[in-house]
N, C-alpha and C. Protein backbone atom coordinates (compact mmCIF):
# COMPACT_ATOMS: atom_id res chain seq x y z
N MET A 1 57.43 214.28 -100.39
CA MET A 1 57.01 212.73 -101.41
C MET A 1 56.66 211.98 -100.06
N LEU A 2 57.30 211.68 -99.36
CA LEU A 2 56.91 210.73 -97.96
C LEU A 2 55.57 211.14 -97.29
N PHE A 3 55.20 212.15 -97.36
CA PHE A 3 53.83 212.91 -96.60
C PHE A 3 52.88 212.30 -97.78
N PHE A 4 53.09 212.64 -98.95
CA PHE A 4 52.05 212.21 -99.97
C PHE A 4 51.75 210.50 -100.40
N ILE A 5 52.52 209.57 -99.53
CA ILE A 5 52.05 208.15 -99.33
C ILE A 5 50.73 208.21 -98.64
N LEU A 6 50.39 209.02 -97.76
CA LEU A 6 49.37 209.09 -96.92
C LEU A 6 48.14 208.79 -97.29
N THR A 7 47.86 209.54 -98.51
CA THR A 7 46.45 209.79 -99.15
C THR A 7 46.01 208.68 -100.32
N PRO A 8 46.95 208.18 -100.95
CA PRO A 8 46.67 207.31 -101.74
C PRO A 8 46.38 205.98 -101.69
N ILE A 9 47.24 205.41 -100.34
CA ILE A 9 46.72 204.33 -99.56
C ILE A 9 45.88 204.09 -98.08
N LEU A 10 45.37 205.26 -97.98
CA LEU A 10 44.71 205.11 -96.71
C LEU A 10 43.67 204.57 -96.61
N ALA A 11 42.73 204.83 -97.96
CA ALA A 11 41.27 203.86 -98.16
C ALA A 11 41.36 202.26 -98.04
N LEU A 12 42.86 201.83 -98.61
CA LEU A 12 43.37 200.63 -98.89
C LEU A 12 43.58 199.99 -97.49
N HIS A 13 44.03 201.13 -96.86
CA HIS A 13 44.69 200.62 -95.41
C HIS A 13 43.40 200.54 -94.55
N MET A 14 42.74 201.56 -95.01
CA MET A 14 41.25 200.84 -93.81
C MET A 14 40.49 200.14 -94.18
N LYS A 15 40.73 199.58 -95.03
CA LYS A 15 39.65 198.46 -95.75
C LYS A 15 40.40 197.22 -95.34
N ASN A 16 41.67 197.14 -95.75
CA ASN A 16 42.60 195.95 -95.38
C ASN A 16 42.28 195.82 -94.02
N ASN A 17 42.22 196.84 -93.09
CA ASN A 17 42.21 196.59 -91.49
C ASN A 17 40.84 196.44 -91.03
N ALA A 18 39.78 196.56 -92.15
CA ALA A 18 38.37 196.47 -91.25
C ALA A 18 38.01 197.98 -90.52
N LEU A 19 38.73 198.91 -91.19
CA LEU A 19 38.37 200.09 -90.05
C LEU A 19 37.16 200.86 -90.75
N GLY A 20 36.75 200.29 -91.90
CA GLY A 20 35.78 201.02 -92.47
C GLY A 20 35.65 201.11 -93.92
N ASP A 21 34.38 201.66 -94.60
CA ASP A 21 34.36 201.88 -95.94
C ASP A 21 35.12 203.21 -96.59
N VAL A 22 34.84 203.76 -98.11
CA VAL A 22 35.46 204.90 -98.37
C VAL A 22 35.02 205.98 -97.53
N ARG A 23 33.70 205.81 -97.15
CA ARG A 23 33.21 207.18 -96.42
C ARG A 23 34.01 207.48 -95.13
N ILE A 24 34.19 206.40 -94.40
CA ILE A 24 34.99 206.42 -93.43
C ILE A 24 36.17 206.83 -93.48
N ALA A 25 37.05 206.42 -94.60
CA ALA A 25 38.40 206.85 -95.43
C ALA A 25 38.38 208.46 -95.38
N GLY A 26 37.33 208.80 -96.02
CA GLY A 26 37.06 210.14 -96.39
C GLY A 26 36.87 211.26 -95.15
N ILE A 27 36.17 210.87 -93.91
CA ILE A 27 36.35 211.16 -92.90
C ILE A 27 37.78 211.36 -92.30
N ALA A 28 38.31 210.26 -92.04
CA ALA A 28 39.54 210.20 -91.62
C ALA A 28 40.76 210.96 -92.19
N LEU A 29 40.48 211.46 -93.61
CA LEU A 29 41.37 212.04 -94.10
C LEU A 29 40.94 213.69 -93.92
N SER A 30 40.12 213.92 -93.53
CA SER A 30 39.82 215.35 -93.09
C SER A 30 39.99 215.63 -91.82
N CYS A 31 40.31 214.47 -91.17
CA CYS A 31 40.73 214.66 -90.14
C CYS A 31 42.45 215.40 -89.66
N SER A 32 43.11 214.91 -91.15
CA SER A 32 44.46 215.35 -91.36
C SER A 32 44.64 216.90 -91.95
N THR A 33 42.81 217.25 -92.29
CA THR A 33 42.99 218.58 -93.15
C THR A 33 42.40 219.53 -91.55
N ILE A 34 41.67 218.90 -90.80
CA ILE A 34 41.49 219.94 -89.54
C ILE A 34 42.67 219.70 -88.39
N GLY A 35 43.80 218.97 -88.32
CA GLY A 35 44.74 219.13 -87.88
C GLY A 35 45.82 220.23 -88.41
N GLY A 36 45.69 220.21 -89.89
CA GLY A 36 46.47 221.47 -90.54
C GLY A 36 45.88 222.63 -90.25
N PHE A 37 44.49 222.75 -90.34
CA PHE A 37 43.59 224.17 -89.81
C PHE A 37 43.96 224.47 -88.53
N ALA A 38 44.35 223.41 -87.68
CA ALA A 38 44.33 224.23 -85.94
C ALA A 38 46.18 224.81 -86.12
N SER A 39 46.97 224.06 -86.76
CA SER A 39 48.25 224.16 -86.74
C SER A 39 48.23 225.66 -87.18
N GLY A 40 47.60 226.21 -87.99
CA GLY A 40 47.48 227.62 -88.46
C GLY A 40 47.26 228.65 -87.56
N PHE A 41 46.48 228.13 -86.57
CA PHE A 41 46.06 229.15 -85.28
C PHE A 41 47.42 228.74 -84.28
N ALA A 42 47.79 227.73 -84.16
CA ALA A 42 48.76 227.56 -83.29
C ALA A 42 50.12 227.73 -83.45
N LEU A 43 50.39 228.18 -85.08
CA LEU A 43 51.62 227.91 -85.56
C LEU A 43 52.40 229.42 -84.61
N PRO A 44 52.10 230.46 -84.32
CA PRO A 44 52.71 231.30 -83.41
C PRO A 44 53.29 230.90 -82.19
N VAL A 45 52.46 230.40 -81.54
CA VAL A 45 52.65 229.84 -79.82
C VAL A 45 53.79 228.57 -80.53
N THR A 46 53.69 227.66 -81.43
CA THR A 46 54.17 226.45 -81.19
C THR A 46 55.82 226.93 -82.19
N LYS A 47 55.57 228.13 -83.02
CA LYS A 47 57.03 228.53 -83.26
C LYS A 47 57.74 229.44 -81.82
N ARG A 48 57.13 229.90 -81.11
CA ARG A 48 57.72 230.31 -80.06
C ARG A 48 58.11 229.03 -78.86
N VAL A 49 57.45 228.00 -78.46
CA VAL A 49 57.79 226.94 -77.77
C VAL A 49 58.80 226.40 -78.49
N PHE A 50 58.71 225.88 -79.29
CA PHE A 50 60.05 225.06 -79.73
C PHE A 50 61.18 225.65 -80.70
N LYS A 51 61.17 227.05 -80.82
CA LYS A 51 62.11 227.75 -81.55
C LYS A 51 62.87 227.09 -82.76
N LYS A 52 63.93 226.93 -82.29
CA LYS A 52 64.68 226.27 -83.60
C LYS A 52 64.62 224.99 -84.00
N TYR A 53 63.76 224.23 -82.82
CA TYR A 53 64.00 222.97 -82.82
C TYR A 53 62.31 222.62 -83.32
N LEU A 54 61.82 223.70 -84.17
CA LEU A 54 60.30 223.19 -84.52
C LEU A 54 60.54 222.25 -85.64
N VAL A 55 61.07 222.36 -86.61
CA VAL A 55 60.89 221.37 -87.44
C VAL A 55 61.53 219.69 -86.95
N PRO A 56 62.50 219.76 -86.15
CA PRO A 56 62.91 218.16 -85.95
C PRO A 56 61.37 217.78 -85.22
N VAL A 57 60.61 218.74 -84.15
CA VAL A 57 59.60 218.31 -83.28
C VAL A 57 58.52 217.84 -84.10
N MET A 58 58.04 218.61 -84.98
CA MET A 58 57.21 218.31 -85.90
C MET A 58 57.22 216.95 -86.68
N LEU A 59 58.55 216.84 -87.44
CA LEU A 59 59.00 215.50 -87.92
C LEU A 59 58.65 214.70 -86.92
N THR A 60 59.04 214.77 -85.84
CA THR A 60 58.96 213.36 -84.63
C THR A 60 57.40 213.35 -84.63
N ALA A 61 56.80 214.32 -84.50
CA ALA A 61 55.37 214.36 -84.25
C ALA A 61 54.56 213.36 -85.52
N MET A 62 55.03 213.83 -86.87
CA MET A 62 54.57 212.98 -87.91
C MET A 62 54.99 211.75 -87.93
N SER A 63 56.07 211.51 -87.60
CA SER A 63 56.76 210.15 -87.63
C SER A 63 55.88 209.49 -86.12
N ALA A 64 55.64 209.97 -85.33
CA ALA A 64 54.58 209.39 -84.12
C ALA A 64 53.15 208.73 -84.99
N GLY A 65 52.62 210.01 -85.49
CA GLY A 65 51.64 209.44 -86.27
C GLY A 65 51.44 208.59 -87.40
N PHE A 66 52.72 208.36 -88.15
CA PHE A 66 52.79 207.21 -89.16
C PHE A 66 52.98 206.03 -88.42
N LEU A 67 53.63 206.02 -87.04
CA LEU A 67 53.86 204.78 -86.51
C LEU A 67 52.32 204.34 -85.84
N VAL A 68 51.55 205.06 -85.43
CA VAL A 68 50.25 205.12 -84.99
C VAL A 68 49.57 204.38 -86.17
N LEU A 69 49.66 204.78 -87.48
CA LEU A 69 48.74 204.21 -88.36
C LEU A 69 49.55 202.79 -88.89
N SER A 70 50.38 202.56 -88.43
CA SER A 70 51.19 201.26 -88.82
C SER A 70 50.83 200.34 -87.94
N TRP A 71 50.81 200.50 -86.71
CA TRP A 71 50.87 199.65 -85.86
C TRP A 71 49.59 199.65 -84.95
N PHE A 72 48.44 200.32 -85.26
CA PHE A 72 47.06 200.58 -83.90
C PHE A 72 45.91 200.61 -85.17
N PRO A 73 45.68 199.22 -85.98
CA PRO A 73 44.36 199.30 -87.04
C PRO A 73 43.04 199.57 -85.94
N ILE A 74 43.11 200.58 -85.32
CA ILE A 74 41.77 200.96 -84.61
C ILE A 74 41.21 202.40 -85.19
N SER A 75 40.06 202.37 -85.42
CA SER A 75 39.28 204.06 -86.13
C SER A 75 39.99 205.02 -85.26
N VAL A 76 39.83 204.99 -84.13
CA VAL A 76 39.73 206.22 -83.26
C VAL A 76 41.66 206.63 -83.12
N ALA A 77 42.46 205.32 -83.17
CA ALA A 77 43.68 205.69 -83.38
C ALA A 77 44.06 206.36 -84.65
N VAL A 78 43.43 205.79 -85.95
CA VAL A 78 43.53 206.40 -87.27
C VAL A 78 43.32 207.74 -87.28
N PHE A 79 42.12 208.36 -86.79
CA PHE A 79 41.90 209.27 -86.72
C PHE A 79 42.62 210.36 -85.62
N ALA A 80 42.94 210.00 -84.86
CA ALA A 80 44.23 210.55 -84.01
C ALA A 80 45.46 211.15 -84.72
N ALA A 81 45.87 210.03 -85.32
CA ALA A 81 47.10 210.00 -85.95
C ALA A 81 47.21 211.08 -87.27
N LEU A 82 45.80 210.84 -87.72
CA LEU A 82 45.81 211.78 -88.95
C LEU A 82 45.73 213.54 -88.58
N LEU A 83 45.23 213.40 -87.70
CA LEU A 83 44.85 214.89 -87.06
C LEU A 83 46.59 215.37 -86.30
N LEU A 84 47.33 214.50 -85.81
CA LEU A 84 48.61 214.59 -85.65
C LEU A 84 49.55 214.91 -86.99
N ILE A 85 49.35 213.91 -87.82
CA ILE A 85 50.07 214.12 -89.06
C ILE A 85 49.71 215.64 -89.93
N GLY A 86 48.42 215.74 -90.03
CA GLY A 86 48.32 216.85 -90.59
C GLY A 86 48.69 218.21 -89.54
N PHE A 87 48.45 218.36 -88.15
CA PHE A 87 49.47 219.56 -87.68
C PHE A 87 50.76 219.93 -87.76
N ALA A 88 51.14 218.44 -87.75
CA ALA A 88 52.83 218.70 -87.89
C ALA A 88 53.10 218.97 -89.20
N ASN A 89 52.47 218.55 -90.25
CA ASN A 89 52.74 219.09 -91.63
C ASN A 89 52.54 220.02 -92.09
N ARG A 90 51.62 220.54 -91.44
CA ARG A 90 50.92 222.14 -91.92
C ARG A 90 51.81 223.08 -91.18
N SER A 91 52.30 222.70 -89.69
CA SER A 91 53.28 223.80 -89.10
C SER A 91 54.56 223.74 -89.49
N VAL A 92 55.18 222.84 -90.38
CA VAL A 92 56.12 222.86 -91.17
C VAL A 92 56.16 223.51 -92.60
N TYR A 93 54.98 223.48 -93.26
CA TYR A 93 54.80 223.82 -94.53
C TYR A 93 55.13 225.46 -94.92
N PRO A 94 54.45 226.20 -94.12
CA PRO A 94 54.56 227.42 -94.32
C PRO A 94 55.85 227.98 -94.07
N LEU A 95 57.07 227.52 -93.28
CA LEU A 95 58.19 227.54 -92.98
C LEU A 95 59.00 227.61 -93.94
N PHE A 96 58.67 226.33 -95.02
CA PHE A 96 59.56 226.40 -96.16
C PHE A 96 59.43 227.25 -97.32
N PHE A 97 58.11 228.03 -97.48
CA PHE A 97 58.21 228.81 -98.45
C PHE A 97 58.56 230.38 -97.69
N LEU A 98 58.63 230.16 -96.22
CA LEU A 98 59.23 231.76 -95.53
C LEU A 98 60.81 231.64 -95.61
N LYS A 99 61.22 230.30 -95.52
CA LYS A 99 62.53 230.23 -95.75
C LYS A 99 63.27 230.85 -96.91
N ALA A 100 62.27 230.08 -98.02
CA ALA A 100 62.63 230.21 -99.39
C ALA A 100 62.47 231.77 -100.00
N THR A 101 61.78 232.40 -99.69
CA THR A 101 61.93 234.01 -99.63
C THR A 101 62.66 234.61 -98.78
N GLU A 102 63.24 234.47 -97.90
CA GLU A 102 63.91 234.95 -96.86
C GLU A 102 65.48 234.89 -97.40
N ARG A 103 65.95 234.19 -98.32
CA ARG A 103 66.91 234.00 -98.79
C ARG A 103 67.03 234.16 -100.00
N THR A 104 66.23 235.20 -100.82
CA THR A 104 66.26 235.81 -102.11
C THR A 104 65.90 236.97 -102.03
N THR A 105 66.22 237.65 -103.54
CA THR A 105 65.82 239.10 -103.14
C THR A 105 64.26 239.13 -103.65
N PRO A 106 63.65 240.00 -103.43
CA PRO A 106 62.29 240.27 -103.71
C PRO A 106 61.86 239.94 -105.21
N GLY A 107 62.82 240.06 -106.08
CA GLY A 107 62.51 239.75 -107.34
C GLY A 107 62.50 238.43 -107.56
N GLU A 108 63.42 237.68 -106.98
CA GLU A 108 63.67 236.33 -107.28
C GLU A 108 62.87 235.35 -106.28
N SER A 109 61.96 235.94 -105.25
CA SER A 109 61.00 235.22 -104.53
C SER A 109 60.22 234.50 -104.88
N VAL A 110 59.53 235.20 -105.89
CA VAL A 110 58.41 234.54 -107.08
C VAL A 110 59.02 233.22 -107.68
N LYS A 111 60.25 233.26 -108.10
CA LYS A 111 60.80 231.96 -108.81
C LYS A 111 60.86 231.00 -107.83
N ALA A 112 61.35 231.49 -106.51
CA ALA A 112 61.87 230.38 -105.59
C ALA A 112 60.68 229.77 -105.06
N THR A 113 59.56 230.37 -105.00
CA THR A 113 58.04 229.92 -104.58
C THR A 113 57.62 229.05 -105.47
N ALA A 114 57.56 229.30 -106.64
CA ALA A 114 57.31 228.79 -107.73
C ALA A 114 57.96 227.33 -107.93
N PHE A 115 59.24 227.43 -107.67
CA PHE A 115 60.25 226.49 -107.83
C PHE A 115 59.38 225.03 -106.50
N LEU A 116 59.47 226.06 -105.44
CA LEU A 116 59.50 225.05 -104.33
C LEU A 116 57.58 224.27 -104.66
N SER A 117 56.82 225.16 -105.13
CA SER A 117 55.71 224.41 -105.69
C SER A 117 55.77 223.34 -106.51
N ALA A 118 56.68 223.55 -107.31
CA ALA A 118 56.60 222.63 -108.33
C ALA A 118 57.49 221.49 -107.57
N MET A 119 58.25 221.44 -106.57
CA MET A 119 59.15 220.28 -106.19
C MET A 119 57.70 219.40 -105.18
N ILE A 120 56.89 220.27 -104.52
CA ILE A 120 56.16 219.75 -103.89
C ILE A 120 55.38 218.60 -104.67
N TYR A 121 54.72 219.72 -105.73
CA TYR A 121 53.53 218.38 -106.82
C TYR A 121 54.67 217.41 -106.91
N LEU A 122 55.82 217.61 -107.57
CA LEU A 122 56.85 216.55 -107.93
C LEU A 122 56.75 215.29 -107.17
N GLY A 123 56.71 215.83 -105.93
CA GLY A 123 56.74 214.90 -104.67
C GLY A 123 55.50 213.95 -104.33
N GLN A 124 54.61 214.98 -104.73
CA GLN A 124 52.98 214.13 -104.98
C GLN A 124 52.90 212.86 -105.89
N PHE A 125 53.10 213.56 -107.15
CA PHE A 125 53.17 212.79 -108.59
C PHE A 125 53.92 211.56 -108.11
N SER A 126 55.04 211.55 -107.52
CA SER A 126 56.34 210.55 -106.96
C SER A 126 55.87 209.69 -106.29
N ALA A 127 54.79 210.03 -105.15
CA ALA A 127 54.82 209.04 -103.97
C ALA A 127 54.09 207.84 -104.35
N PRO A 128 53.11 207.47 -105.42
CA PRO A 128 52.60 206.09 -105.44
C PRO A 128 53.90 205.50 -106.38
N PRO A 129 54.73 205.70 -107.16
CA PRO A 129 55.71 204.83 -107.86
C PRO A 129 56.57 204.62 -106.81
N PHE A 130 56.80 205.80 -105.86
CA PHE A 130 58.11 205.20 -105.07
C PHE A 130 57.56 204.12 -103.95
N GLN A 131 56.29 204.51 -103.44
CA GLN A 131 55.95 203.26 -102.65
C GLN A 131 55.74 202.50 -103.00
N ARG A 132 55.18 201.98 -104.43
CA ARG A 132 55.70 200.49 -105.11
C ARG A 132 56.90 200.20 -105.01
N PHE A 133 58.04 201.09 -105.33
CA PHE A 133 58.96 200.38 -105.38
C PHE A 133 59.58 200.08 -103.85
N VAL A 134 59.55 200.97 -102.98
CA VAL A 134 59.73 200.62 -101.61
C VAL A 134 59.12 199.08 -100.91
N GLY A 135 57.43 198.90 -101.67
CA GLY A 135 57.08 197.79 -101.50
C GLY A 135 57.56 196.41 -102.17
N VAL A 136 58.05 196.68 -103.46
CA VAL A 136 58.64 195.49 -103.96
C VAL A 136 59.80 195.15 -103.51
N LEU A 137 60.98 196.42 -103.41
CA LEU A 137 62.06 196.23 -102.84
C LEU A 137 62.07 195.45 -101.41
N SER A 138 61.23 195.84 -100.54
CA SER A 138 61.32 195.17 -99.14
C SER A 138 60.60 193.58 -99.17
N GLY A 139 59.82 193.47 -100.25
CA GLY A 139 58.69 192.65 -100.14
C GLY A 139 57.59 192.29 -99.40
N ARG A 140 57.54 193.60 -99.02
CA ARG A 140 56.45 194.12 -98.10
C ARG A 140 55.52 195.08 -98.64
N PRO A 141 54.83 194.92 -99.42
CA PRO A 141 53.85 196.01 -99.95
C PRO A 141 52.50 196.63 -99.30
N GLU A 142 52.35 195.95 -97.94
CA GLU A 142 51.50 196.07 -97.52
C GLU A 142 51.40 197.35 -96.80
N THR A 143 50.19 198.24 -96.93
CA THR A 143 49.90 199.64 -96.49
C THR A 143 50.80 199.74 -94.93
N GLY A 144 50.69 198.93 -94.16
CA GLY A 144 51.00 199.17 -92.73
C GLY A 144 52.53 199.35 -92.64
N PHE A 145 53.00 198.48 -93.52
CA PHE A 145 54.76 198.37 -93.47
C PHE A 145 55.27 200.10 -94.35
N LEU A 146 54.26 200.50 -95.43
CA LEU A 146 54.63 201.61 -95.98
C LEU A 146 54.46 202.99 -95.02
N TYR A 147 53.40 202.92 -94.17
CA TYR A 147 53.32 203.75 -93.08
C TYR A 147 54.83 203.60 -92.27
N LEU A 148 54.91 202.28 -91.73
CA LEU A 148 56.09 202.29 -90.80
C LEU A 148 57.39 203.07 -91.56
N PHE A 149 57.95 202.57 -92.99
CA PHE A 149 58.84 202.92 -93.50
C PHE A 149 58.74 204.40 -93.66
N VAL A 150 57.79 205.28 -93.97
CA VAL A 150 57.46 206.74 -93.68
C VAL A 150 58.31 206.70 -92.10
N ALA A 151 57.38 206.30 -91.15
CA ALA A 151 57.63 206.78 -89.91
C ALA A 151 59.18 206.98 -89.75
N LEU A 152 59.65 205.60 -89.88
CA LEU A 152 61.32 205.51 -89.51
C LEU A 152 61.97 206.45 -90.41
N VAL A 153 61.69 206.78 -91.30
CA VAL A 153 62.61 207.72 -92.69
C VAL A 153 62.07 209.14 -92.26
N THR A 154 61.26 209.57 -91.52
CA THR A 154 61.00 211.06 -90.97
C THR A 154 61.54 210.77 -89.75
N LEU A 155 61.64 210.08 -89.05
CA LEU A 155 62.19 210.15 -87.58
C LEU A 155 63.84 210.13 -87.68
N THR A 156 64.26 209.26 -88.69
CA THR A 156 65.75 209.65 -88.88
C THR A 156 66.27 210.71 -89.47
N VAL A 157 65.18 211.96 -90.18
CA VAL A 157 65.72 212.91 -90.50
C VAL A 157 65.41 213.79 -89.01
N ALA A 158 64.31 213.52 -88.65
CA ALA A 158 64.21 214.61 -87.48
C ALA A 158 65.13 214.75 -86.23
N LEU A 159 65.76 213.09 -86.40
CA LEU A 159 67.38 213.06 -85.30
C LEU A 159 68.30 213.63 -86.04
N ALA A 160 68.30 213.42 -87.12
CA ALA A 160 69.74 214.35 -87.84
C ALA A 160 69.48 215.71 -87.59
N LEU A 161 68.51 216.28 -87.78
CA LEU A 161 68.03 217.82 -87.60
C LEU A 161 68.40 218.05 -86.01
N PHE A 162 67.77 217.39 -84.96
CA PHE A 162 68.09 217.50 -83.68
C PHE A 162 69.69 217.37 -83.37
N ALA A 163 70.30 216.50 -83.97
CA ALA A 163 71.76 216.29 -83.87
C ALA A 163 72.45 217.70 -84.50
């Protein structure tokens, strides 16, 4: 759910910070996809380098990307942050499906992956109301604060996993 806060408010974030129009926001979002694409090629090496720390390292990287979005309203920084977020997200994403199928029988793996997919889409559906809730509860509905919130939560989870 936290990752999906990125997309719905990015165009607004860029507009509010005078970083460009909808076209530039689309290009910026494409950076996330490019980062994800690159992670597919790099995943075997990334897994070998970080071993059991892959998930917390990638969550830390994702947190760093959201921090950059929050603190540095500069187009180049936004593009770099989205590359990093996309890379980190798509480095972790396949591991969830792998773990779901490893811990089930072959007959149950289809159900496990279907359930996981449903939870991912539920997170995507829940992201806009959740971001509104966070904005209202904190009294800070601006996009930069929401990205900072995601960065802090993601970093907290990463630190818990490191521990």
